[in-house]
Amino acid sequence: MPKRLDIRLSEAQRTELLWTRDHHVKAYMREKAAAILKMAEERLSALEVAQHRLLKRRDDNTVRSWLRRYLHEGLTGLLVHAGRGKKPAFSPSGGPTCR
């Protein structure tokens, strides 16, 4: 059985995550906050949350990384920073013109 992490959130962290889960403009932030709250308040494992408690199945290591980043950096650790992701192989506006 997967190990359950003993997560203790302060009241300020709990309030911050609840607001993020319910009101944040970015859907991915709402999902990450919900996952962290489920692990902390319902004492569920990352595997349980990743496979059964989110709208879309996630890898349990992904959910653990969300928790680690939140505990180290707060909400800013959950944001997707500019420059992340796959870069386009071809940019129609940035390269030489084709004739």
C-alpha atoms as a PDB file:
ATOM      1  CA  MET A   1       0.000   0.000   0.000  1.00  0.00           C
ATOM      2  CA  PRO A   2       1.359   3.493  -0.847  1.00  0.00           C
ATOM      3  CA  LYS A   3       2.810   5.487   2.001  1.00  0.00           C
ATOM      4  CA  ARG A   4       0.631   8.367   3.131  1.00  0.00           C
ATOM      5  CA  LEU A   5       2.508  11.560   3.793  1.00  0.00           C
ATOM      6  CA  ASP A   6       1.922  13.370   7.066  1.00  0.00           C
ATOM      7  CA  ILE A   7       1.168  16.859   5.759  1.00  0.00           C
ATOM      8  CA  ARG A   8       0.465  19.649   8.206  1.00  0.00           C
ATOM      9  CA  LEU A   9      -0.851  22.868   6.754  1.00  0.00           C
ATOM     10  CA  SER A  10      -1.064  26.073   8.725  1.00  0.00           C
ATOM     11  CA  GLU A  11      -4.419  27.817   8.811  1.00  0.00           C
ATOM     12  CA  ALA A  12      -3.045  30.443   6.410  1.00  0.00           C
ATOM     13  CA  GLN A  13      -1.913  27.726   3.952  1.00  0.00           C
ATOM     14  CA  ARG A  14      -5.261  25.963   4.215  1.00  0.00           C
ATOM     15  CA  THR A  15      -7.147  29.216   3.566  1.00  0.00           C
ATOM     16  CA  GLU A  16      -4.858  30.039   0.632  1.00  0.00           C
ATOM     17  CA  LEU A  17      -5.369  26.593  -0.928  1.00  0.00           C
ATOM     18  CA  LEU A  18      -9.138  26.695  -0.410  1.00  0.00           C
ATOM     19  CA  TRP A  19      -9.359  30.082  -2.131  1.00  0.00           C
ATOM     20  CA  THR A  20      -7.133  28.838  -4.966  1.00  0.00           C
ATOM     21  CA  ARG A  21      -9.181  25.671  -5.398  1.00  0.00           C
ATOM     22  CA  ASP A  22     -12.466  27.592  -5.522  1.00  0.00           C
ATOM     23  CA  HIS A  23     -11.584  30.869  -7.257  1.00  0.00           C
ATOM     24  CA  HIS A  24      -8.264  30.899  -9.128  1.00  0.00           C
ATOM     25  CA  VAL A  25      -8.532  31.981 -12.755  1.00  0.00           C
ATOM     26  CA  LYS A  26      -6.271  29.128 -13.950  1.00  0.00           C
ATOM     27  CA  ALA A  27      -7.859  25.656 -13.989  1.00  0.00           C
ATOM     28  CA  TYR A  28      -4.515  23.924 -13.434  1.00  0.00           C
ATOM     29  CA  MET A  29      -4.021  25.916 -10.217  1.00  0.00           C
ATOM     30  CA  ARG A  30      -7.471  24.857  -8.988  1.00  0.00           C
ATOM     31  CA  GLU A  31      -6.598  21.215  -9.714  1.00  0.00           C
ATOM     32  CA  LYS A  32      -3.230  21.363  -7.947  1.00  0.00           C
ATOM     33  CA  ALA A  33      -4.720  23.068  -4.879  1.00  0.00           C
ATOM     34  CA  ALA A  34      -7.495  20.453  -4.718  1.00  0.00           C
ATOM     35  CA  ALA A  35      -4.959  17.618  -4.889  1.00  0.00           C
ATOM     36  CA  ILE A  36      -2.849  19.079  -2.078  1.00  0.00           C
ATOM     37  CA  LEU A  37      -5.904  19.632   0.110  1.00  0.00           C
ATOM     38  CA  LYS A  38      -7.059  16.033  -0.415  1.00  0.00           C
ATOM     39  CA  MET A  39      -3.651  14.709   0.655  1.00  0.00           C
ATOM     40  CA  ALA A  40      -3.489  17.010   3.683  1.00  0.00           C
ATOM     41  CA  GLU A  41      -7.066  17.018   4.961  1.00  0.00           C
ATOM     42  CA  GLU A  42      -8.351  13.608   3.881  1.00  0.00           C
ATOM     43  CA  ARG A  43      -4.961  11.956   4.461  1.00  0.00           C
ATOM     44  CA  LEU A  44      -5.038  10.281   1.047  1.00  0.00           C
ATOM     45  CA  SER A  45      -1.921   9.010  -0.691  1.00  0.00           C
ATOM     46  CA  ALA A  46      -0.621  10.734  -3.809  1.00  0.00           C
ATOM     47  CA  LEU A  47      -1.446   7.541  -5.730  1.00  0.00           C
ATOM     48  CA  GLU A  48      -5.087   7.584  -4.574  1.00  0.00           C
ATOM     49  CA  VAL A  49      -5.475  11.266  -5.430  1.00  0.00           C
ATOM     50  CA  ALA A  50      -3.754  10.899  -8.805  1.00  0.00           C
ATOM     51  CA  GLN A  51      -5.769   7.891  -9.936  1.00  0.00           C
ATOM     52  CA  HIS A  52      -9.211   8.439  -8.438  1.00  0.00           C
ATOM     53  CA  ARG A  53      -9.763  11.877  -6.895  1.00  0.00           C
ATOM     54  CA  LEU A  54      -9.108  14.337  -9.731  1.00  0.00           C
ATOM     55  CA  LEU A  55     -11.160  14.971 -12.866  1.00  0.00           C
ATOM     56  CA  LYS A  56      -8.343  13.593 -15.003  1.00  0.00           C
ATOM     57  CA  ARG A  57      -5.970  10.794 -13.998  1.00  0.00           C
ATOM     58  CA  ARG A  58      -2.444  11.956 -13.255  1.00  0.00           C
ATOM     59  CA  ASP A  59       0.822  10.225 -12.529  1.00  0.00           C
ATOM     60  CA  ASP A  60       1.322   9.958  -8.772  1.00  0.00           C
ATOM     61  CA  ASN A  61       4.855  11.359  -9.109  1.00  0.00           C
ATOM     62  CA  THR A  62       3.346  14.469 -10.707  1.00  0.00           C
ATOM     63  CA  VAL A  63       1.012  14.942  -7.743  1.00  0.00           C
ATOM     64  CA  ARG A  64       3.921  14.450  -5.325  1.00  0.00           C
ATOM     65  CA  SER A  65       5.927  17.077  -7.206  1.00  0.00           C
ATOM     66  CA  TRP A  66       3.032  19.539  -6.860  1.00  0.00           C
ATOM     67  CA  LEU A  67       3.053  18.964  -3.102  1.00  0.00           C
ATOM     68  CA  ARG A  68       6.856  19.286  -2.816  1.00  0.00           C
ATOM     69  CA  ARG A  69       6.888  22.525  -4.805  1.00  0.00           C
ATOM     70  CA  TYR A  70       4.016  23.964  -2.758  1.00  0.00           C
ATOM     71  CA  LEU A  71       5.717  23.128   0.540  1.00  0.00           C
ATOM     72  CA  HIS A  72       9.016  24.693  -0.623  1.00  0.00           C
ATOM     73  CA  GLU A  73       7.776  27.695  -2.624  1.00  0.00           C
ATOM     74  CA  GLY A  74       4.121  28.266  -1.768  1.00  0.00           C
ATOM     75  CA  LEU A  75       1.587  29.027  -4.496  1.00  0.00           C
ATOM     76  CA  THR A  76       4.231  30.432  -6.827  1.00  0.00           C
ATOM     77  CA  GLY A  77       5.758  26.952  -6.969  1.00  0.00           C
ATOM     78  CA  LEU A  78       2.557  25.680  -8.587  1.00  0.00           C
ATOM     79  CA  LEU A  79       2.503  28.244 -11.386  1.00  0.00           C
ATOM     80  CA  VAL A  80       3.608  27.240 -14.872  1.00  0.00           C
ATOM     81  CA  HIS A  81       6.419  29.627 -15.687  1.00  0.00           C
ATOM     82  CA  ALA A  82       6.954  31.216 -19.092  1.00  0.00           C
ATOM     83  CA  GLY A  83       9.232  29.247 -21.363  1.00  0.00           C
ATOM     84  CA  ARG A  84       8.036  25.845 -20.166  1.00  0.00           C
ATOM     85  CA  GLY A  85       6.890  23.209 -22.632  1.00  0.00           C
ATOM     86  CA  LYS A  86       7.809  22.157 -26.119  1.00  0.00           C
ATOM     87  CA  LYS A  87       9.111  24.865 -28.425  1.00  0.00           C
ATOM     88  CA  PRO A  88       7.706  25.115 -31.956  1.00  0.00           C
ATOM     89  CA  ALA A  89       9.871  23.624 -34.682  1.00  0.00           C
ATOM     90  CA  PHE A  90       8.781  26.320 -37.121  1.00  0.00           C
ATOM     91  CA  SER A  91       7.754  29.874 -36.419  1.00  0.00           C
ATOM     92  CA  PRO A  92       6.045  31.592 -39.369  1.00  0.00           C
ATOM     93  CA  SER A  93       6.643  35.075 -37.980  1.00  0.00           C
ATOM     94  CA  GLY A  94      10.246  34.703 -36.899  1.00  0.00           C
ATOM     95  CA  GLY A  95      12.073  33.027 -39.768  1.00  0.00           C
ATOM     96  CA  PRO A  96      13.134  33.991 -43.289  1.00  0.00           C
ATOM     97  CA  THR A  97      10.340  34.453 -45.785  1.00  0.00           C
ATOM     98  CA  CYS A  98       9.556  31.699 -48.264  1.00  0.00           C
ATOM     99  CA  ARG A  99       8.939  32.607 -51.891  1.00  0.00           C
END
